[in-house]
Protein backbone atom coordinates (compact mmCIF):
# COMPACT_ATOMS: atom_id res chain seq x y z
CA MET A 1 -100.00 -24.19 18.21
CA ARG A 2 -99.99 -21.08 20.39
CA PHE A 3 -96.66 -22.17 21.86
CA LEU A 4 -95.08 -22.75 18.43
CA GLY A 5 -93.84 -19.18 18.11
CA ILE A 6 -92.24 -19.33 21.56
CA ILE A 7 -90.54 -22.63 20.72
CA VAL A 8 -89.21 -21.25 17.42
CA ALA A 9 -87.88 -18.18 19.22
CA ILE A 10 -86.13 -20.31 21.84
CA VAL A 11 -84.57 -22.50 19.15
CA GLY A 12 -83.41 -19.39 17.26
CA VAL A 13 -81.84 -17.90 20.36
CA ALA A 14 -80.11 -21.21 21.18
CA ALA A 15 -78.78 -21.48 17.63
CA SER A 16 -77.48 -17.91 17.76
CA LEU A 17 -75.77 -18.58 21.10
CA TRP A 18 -74.22 -21.78 19.73
CA LEU A 19 -72.92 -20.07 16.61
CA GLY A 20 -71.58 -17.19 18.65
CA SER A 21 -69.87 -19.57 21.04
CA LYS A 22 -68.37 -21.53 18.14
CA LYS A 23 -66.96 -18.38 16.51
CA TRP A 24 -65.53 -17.20 19.82
CA THR A 25 -63.89 -20.60 20.37
CA GLU A 26 -62.42 -20.53 16.86
CA LYS A 27 -61.03 -17.03 17.36
CA SER A 28 -59.64 -17.98 20.76
CA THR A 29 -57.95 -21.06 19.29
CA GLU A 30 -56.54 -19.00 16.41
CA PHE A 31 -55.16 -16.45 18.88
CA GLN A 32 -53.53 -19.21 20.96
CA ARG A 33 -52.08 -20.83 17.82
CA GLU A 34 -50.54 -17.57 16.62
CA ALA A 35 -49.20 -16.76 20.10
CA ALA A 36 -47.62 -20.22 20.34
CA PHE A 37 -46.13 -19.86 16.86
CA ALA A 38 -44.67 -16.45 17.76
CA LYS A 39 -43.07 -17.98 20.87
CA LEU A 40 -41.65 -20.86 18.83
CA ARG A 41 -40.16 -18.40 16.36
CA GLY A 42 -38.78 -16.22 19.17
CA ASP A 43 -37.14 -19.22 20.85
CA TYR A 44 -35.59 -20.18 17.51
CA LEU A 45 -34.14 -16.71 16.93
CA GLU A 46 -32.60 -16.67 20.41
CA ARG A 47 -30.88 -20.03 19.95
CA VAL A 48 -29.79 -19.58 16.34
CA ALA A 49 -27.52 -16.63 17.19
CA TRP A 50 -24.82 -19.02 18.46
CA ILE A 51 -25.30 -21.40 15.54
CA ARG A 52 -24.66 -18.51 13.14
CA SER A 53 -21.59 -17.20 14.97
CA ASN A 54 -19.84 -20.31 16.33
CA PRO A 55 -16.27 -19.99 14.96
CA ASP A 56 -15.40 -23.67 15.50
CA GLU A 57 -16.41 -25.47 12.31
CA LYS A 58 -16.38 -28.95 13.85
CA ALA A 59 -18.40 -27.84 16.88
CA TYR A 60 -20.88 -26.11 14.58
CA LYS A 61 -21.41 -29.26 12.50
CA ASP A 62 -22.16 -31.21 15.68
CA GLU A 63 -24.38 -28.56 17.25
CA VAL A 64 -26.42 -27.72 14.16
CA GLN A 65 -27.84 -31.24 14.13
CA THR A 66 -28.86 -30.93 17.80
CA PHE A 67 -30.32 -27.52 17.04
CA PHE A 68 -32.50 -28.79 14.20
CA ARG A 69 -33.65 -31.78 16.24
CA TRP A 70 -34.78 -29.39 18.96
CA TYR A 71 -36.50 -27.05 16.52
CA PHE A 72 -38.45 -29.70 14.64
CA LYS A 73 -39.43 -31.39 17.90
CA GLU A 74 -41.01 -28.05 18.92
CA VAL A 75 -42.69 -27.78 15.52
CA ASN A 76 -44.08 -31.29 15.91
CA GLU A 77 -45.50 -30.51 19.36
CA HIS A 78 -47.04 -27.30 18.01
CA LEU A 79 -48.74 -29.22 15.19
CA ASN A 80 -49.99 -31.85 17.64
CA LYS A 81 -51.56 -29.22 19.86
CA PHE A 82 -53.26 -27.26 17.10
CA GLN A 83 -53.93 -30.01 14.53
CA GLY A 84 -51.56 -28.49 12.00
CA ASN A 85 -50.71 -29.78 8.54
CA ARG A 86 -47.93 -32.37 8.86
CA LYS A 87 -47.34 -32.38 5.11
CA PHE A 88 -46.37 -28.67 5.23
CA ASP A 89 -47.96 -28.21 1.80
CA ASP A 90 -50.47 -25.44 2.57
CA TYR A 91 -48.88 -23.25 -0.12
CA LEU A 92 -49.24 -26.02 -2.71
CA GLN A 93 -52.84 -26.66 -1.68
CA GLU A 94 -53.60 -22.97 -2.16
CA LEU A 95 -52.02 -23.06 -5.62
CA ASN A 96 -54.17 -26.05 -6.53
CA ARG A 97 -57.28 -24.38 -5.14
CA LYS A 98 -56.69 -21.25 -7.20
CA ALA A 99 -55.90 -23.32 -10.27
CA GLY A 100 -59.12 -25.26 -9.84
CA ALA A 101 -61.11 -22.05 -9.53
CA LYS A 102 -59.61 -20.91 -12.84
CA GLY A 103 -60.17 -24.24 -14.56
CA GLU A 104 -56.48 -25.11 -14.78
CA PHE A 105 -54.73 -28.40 -14.19
CA ALA A 106 -53.55 -28.96 -10.62
CA GLU A 107 -50.38 -30.67 -11.85
CA TYR A 108 -49.05 -27.40 -13.29
CA GLU A 109 -47.24 -29.04 -16.18
CA GLY A 110 -47.10 -25.63 -17.79
CA PRO A 111 -48.82 -22.26 -17.77
CA SER A 112 -52.26 -22.30 -19.35
CA ARG A 113 -52.24 -18.68 -20.35
CA ALA A 114 -49.80 -15.81 -20.90
CA GLY A 115 -48.37 -14.47 -17.67
CA ASP A 116 -49.36 -17.50 -15.55
CA LYS A 117 -46.59 -18.46 -13.11
CA SER A 118 -48.13 -21.49 -11.43
CA ALA A 119 -45.45 -23.92 -12.71
CA GLU A 120 -42.70 -21.58 -11.53
CA LYS A 121 -44.31 -21.27 -8.10
CA LYS A 122 -44.70 -25.01 -7.76
CA ALA A 123 -41.04 -25.54 -8.69
CA ALA A 124 -39.99 -23.00 -6.05
CA PHE A 125 -42.13 -24.78 -3.46
CA GLU A 126 -40.63 -28.17 -4.31
CA TYR A 127 -37.08 -26.76 -4.22
CA THR A 128 -37.83 -25.27 -0.79
CA MET A 129 -39.39 -28.51 0.45
CA LYS A 130 -36.25 -30.43 -0.51
CA GLN A 131 -34.11 -28.13 1.67
CA PHE A 132 -36.70 -28.21 4.45
CA GLU A 133 -36.59 -32.02 4.51
CA ALA A 134 -32.78 -31.92 4.64
CA PHE A 135 -32.95 -29.80 7.79
CA LYS A 136 -35.82 -31.81 9.24
CA SER A 137 -33.98 -35.12 8.81
CA GLY A 138 -31.70 -34.24 11.75
CA SER A 139 -28.59 -35.24 9.80
CA TYR A 140 -27.73 -31.90 8.19
CA GLN A 141 -23.94 -31.56 8.02
CA PRO A 142 -22.43 -29.31 5.36
CA LEU A 143 -19.20 -30.11 3.58
CA TRP A 144 -17.65 -26.81 4.68
CA SER A 145 -18.78 -23.87 6.80
CA ALA A 146 -17.47 -20.54 8.08
CA THR A 147 -18.87 -17.48 9.83
CA ASP A 148 -18.11 -13.77 9.64
CA ARG A 149 -19.95 -10.73 11.00
CA GLY A 150 -22.68 -12.98 12.37
CA VAL A 151 -23.47 -14.39 8.91
CA ARG A 152 -22.71 -18.07 8.34
CA LEU A 153 -22.07 -19.63 4.95
CA ASP A 154 -22.43 -23.38 4.40
CA ILE A 155 -21.22 -25.26 1.34
CA VAL A 156 -23.69 -28.10 1.67
CA SER A 157 -22.00 -30.39 -0.85
CA ALA A 158 -19.95 -30.26 -4.04
CA SER A 159 -20.34 -33.04 -6.55
CA THR A 160 -20.48 -33.39 -10.31
CA GLN A 161 -23.85 -33.63 -12.04
CA THR A 162 -24.89 -33.81 -15.67
CA LEU A 163 -26.99 -30.76 -16.48
CA GLY A 164 -28.17 -30.00 -20.00
CA GLY A 165 -25.79 -32.60 -21.41
CA GLU A 166 -22.75 -31.09 -19.64
CA THR A 167 -20.99 -32.20 -16.48
CA LYS A 168 -20.94 -29.43 -13.88
CA ILE A 169 -19.68 -28.96 -10.34
CA HIS A 170 -22.96 -28.68 -8.44
CA MET A 171 -22.55 -26.72 -5.19
CA PRO A 172 -25.62 -26.07 -2.98
CA VAL A 173 -25.11 -23.24 -0.47
CA VAL A 174 -26.95 -22.05 2.64
CA ALA A 175 -26.49 -18.60 4.19
CA TRP A 176 -27.70 -17.86 7.72
CA GLY A 177 -28.51 -14.39 9.02
CA VAL A 178 -28.28 -12.18 5.93
CA PRO A 179 -30.05 -8.91 6.92
CA ARG A 180 -33.65 -8.62 5.80
CA GLU A 181 -36.60 -6.32 6.32
CA GLU A 182 -40.29 -7.03 6.64
CA LYS A 183 -42.75 -4.76 4.86
CA VAL A 184 -46.55 -4.71 4.89
CA ASP A 185 -48.37 -2.86 2.10
CA ASP A 186 -51.69 -0.99 2.22
CA ARG A 187 -53.60 -4.23 1.59
CA GLY A 188 -51.94 -5.92 4.57
CA VAL A 189 -49.77 -8.15 2.36
CA ARG A 190 -46.56 -9.12 4.16
CA ARG A 191 -43.31 -9.23 2.22
CA ILE A 192 -39.69 -9.88 3.14
CA GLN A 193 -36.96 -7.91 1.41
CA VAL A 194 -33.41 -9.29 1.60
CA ASN A 195 -30.64 -6.81 0.92
CA GLY A 196 -27.88 -9.30 0.20
CA SER A 197 -25.51 -9.82 -2.73
CA PHE A 198 -23.03 -12.64 -3.36
CA ARG A 199 -19.59 -12.67 -4.99
CA PHE A 200 -17.03 -15.45 -5.34
CA ASN A 201 -13.54 -15.91 -6.71
CA TRP A 202 -11.70 -19.18 -7.35
CA LYS A 203 -7.91 -19.24 -7.52
CA LEU A 204 -6.44 -22.46 -8.89
CA TYR A 205 -2.84 -23.57 -8.28
CA ASP A 206 -0.73 -26.34 -9.79
CA GLU A 207 1.40 -28.84 -7.86
CA LYS A 208 4.17 -26.21 -7.48
CA GLN A 209 1.63 -23.76 -6.07
CA LYS A 210 1.78 -21.52 -9.12
CA LEU A 211 -1.42 -19.66 -9.94
CA ILE A 212 -2.77 -21.14 -13.18
CA ALA A 213 -6.33 -19.84 -13.35
CA GLU A 214 -8.89 -17.63 -11.66
CA ILE A 215 -12.70 -17.75 -11.78
CA PRO A 216 -14.49 -14.61 -10.59
CA GLY A 217 -18.25 -14.44 -10.30
CA GLU A 218 -20.97 -12.18 -8.98
CA GLY A 219 -24.63 -12.73 -8.23
CA GLY A 220 -26.69 -15.82 -7.54
CA PRO A 221 -26.82 -18.37 -6.23
CA ASP A 222 -29.05 -20.02 -8.82
CA SER A 223 -32.64 -20.80 -7.78
CA ARG A 224 -32.03 -18.54 -4.81
CA VAL A 225 -34.79 -18.53 -2.19
CA ASP A 226 -34.66 -15.45 0.04
CA TRP A 227 -37.90 -16.02 1.94
CA PRO A 228 -38.54 -19.76 2.30
CA GLU A 229 -41.23 -19.18 4.98
CA ARG A 230 -43.38 -17.90 2.13
CA TYR A 231 -43.62 -21.47 0.86
CA ILE A 232 -43.38 -23.40 4.15
CA ARG A 233 -44.46 -21.53 7.25
CA TYR A 234 -42.28 -23.57 9.60
CA PHE A 235 -39.10 -23.24 7.55
CA PRO A 236 -36.30 -22.05 9.88
CA PRO A 237 -36.28 -18.23 9.62
CA MET A 238 -33.52 -16.01 8.21
CA ILE A 239 -32.00 -18.57 5.86
CA ILE A 240 -31.15 -18.09 2.18
CA PHE A 241 -30.26 -21.03 -0.03
CA GLY A 242 -29.56 -21.87 -3.64
CA HIS A 243 -26.80 -23.48 -5.68
CA TYR A 244 -23.96 -22.79 -8.10
CA ASP A 245 -23.21 -24.89 -11.17
CA LEU A 246 -19.68 -24.40 -12.45
CA ASP A 247 -17.67 -25.81 -15.36
CA LYS A 248 -15.14 -28.50 -14.56
CA LEU A 249 -11.59 -27.29 -13.88
CA PRO A 250 -8.33 -27.70 -15.81
CA PRO A 251 -6.60 -31.03 -15.10
CA GLU A 252 -3.41 -29.41 -13.79
CA ALA A 253 -5.29 -27.74 -10.91
CA LYS A 254 -3.94 -29.19 -7.66
CA THR A 255 -5.31 -26.85 -4.98
CA ALA A 256 -7.91 -24.10 -4.85
CA GLU A 257 -8.62 -21.04 -2.76
CA ILE A 258 -12.29 -20.12 -3.02
CA SER A 259 -13.32 -16.78 -1.55
CA PHE A 260 -16.90 -15.70 -0.99
CA THR A 261 -18.27 -12.30 -0.06
CA ILE A 262 -21.80 -11.63 1.13
CA SER A 263 -22.76 -7.96 1.30
CA GLY A 264 -25.96 -6.57 2.73
CA ARG A 265 -27.63 -3.63 4.41
CA SER A 266 -29.38 -3.97 7.73
CA PRO A 267 -32.85 -2.46 8.31
CA SER A 268 -31.17 0.16 10.52
CA GLY A 269 -29.06 1.31 7.56
CA GLY A 270 -25.68 -0.21 8.43
CA ASP A 271 -23.61 -2.09 5.85
CA VAL A 272 -22.62 -5.71 6.45
CA THR A 273 -19.80 -7.34 4.50
CA ALA A 274 -18.87 -10.92 5.37
CA ASN A 275 -15.83 -12.64 3.83
CA TYR A 276 -15.00 -16.35 3.68
CA LEU A 277 -12.03 -18.33 2.37
CA TRP A 278 -12.08 -22.07 1.65
CA LYS A 279 -8.75 -23.76 0.88
CA LEU A 280 -8.85 -27.30 -0.45
CA ASP A 281 -7.26 -29.92 -2.65
CA VAL A 282 -9.16 -30.09 -5.92
CA PRO A 283 -11.08 -33.42 -6.11
CA ALA A 284 -10.31 -35.53 -9.18
CA GLU A 285 -13.99 -35.56 -10.21
CA TRP A 286 -13.94 -31.76 -10.52
CA LYS A 287 -11.24 -31.86 -13.21
CA LEU A 288 -11.42 -32.12 -16.96
CA GLN A 289 -9.70 -35.04 -18.63
CA PRO A 290 -6.31 -34.26 -20.24
CA GLY A 291 -6.93 -32.75 -23.66
CA GLU A 292 -10.42 -31.47 -22.83
CA ALA A 293 -10.87 -27.74 -23.40
CA TRP A 294 -11.75 -25.48 -20.49
CA LYS A 295 -14.77 -23.52 -21.69
CA GLY A 296 -14.74 -19.76 -21.40
CA ALA A 297 -11.03 -19.59 -20.58
CA GLN A 298 -9.33 -16.26 -21.29
CA GLU A 299 -5.68 -15.30 -20.97
CA SER A 300 -4.55 -12.41 -18.78
CA ILE A 301 -1.22 -10.95 -17.71
CA ARG A 302 -0.28 -10.99 -14.03
CA PRO A 303 2.90 -9.94 -12.17
CA GLU A 304 5.30 -12.88 -11.73
CA GLU A 305 5.23 -12.56 -7.94
CA GLU A 306 1.48 -13.07 -8.02
CA ILE A 307 1.79 -16.26 -10.07
CA ASP A 308 4.91 -17.87 -8.57
CA PRO A 309 5.19 -18.06 -4.75
CA ALA A 310 8.99 -18.44 -5.02
CA LYS A 311 9.21 -15.02 -6.68
CA ARG A 312 6.79 -13.59 -4.11
CA ASN A 313 8.93 -14.82 -1.20
CA LYS A 314 12.10 -13.21 -2.61
CA LYS A 315 10.61 -9.72 -2.54
């Protein structure tokens, strides 16, 4: 019995050493994981500069697939090395954990009390995951793309969908490289502020190339996600995405000129204004049937030379 105290002391010291060693190993692993993640992000930002600025649309569409295959291969190797979450749903798990602590349903079918935004947050996560999976698939190829001032705009697709009982032209968009600024508050909470605004203008022409209608718009896109890394850590940085839903067009519309403007302010204080112009034949599915009314249409007076190209060419 006289050696019992010595044995207990030795066991206590060994346990303390083991716990200390375990904590040091965990901290060391965490440091290595964060350093590797920072390198992965830095490599991405170096390579994406050409993807954002490549003026050749066809070459861009080919190279962006190779770029995403490279990026997600690196992400996969990073997860293998550090036993990361392959479902990429850490944000959703945290929502569920908090909901469970508050006695709420993990499914988030609706807020359980005034001011609760869990359903909204889950919807944003799922919307972001859908875009993440599109990039991760390795087959991302937008319908149309252009670049200006180092900011690229992709029209991912443009098809008709029934929304709220009405058929709309559904147009998902992706913008690369809109200026943004990182801020950390007194509590150490990191936030990303994007100083970017969107405008668009559709000009519709008939078969004689006469201007028959114009659709201006400002703001959006709908469901816009400025900081997707908030929801999925490995989401490719400096991407904004969302969608526009527009009414179908008058049946006499033959061609369209769609202009987009993205304006922003860089963290250094400089203004960035990028302009894009997409010229296309109007798909039949975008048009109303003859006799259908074009909602929201208003008449306006324009100079003849602006409406009729023949008059414009005579001047």
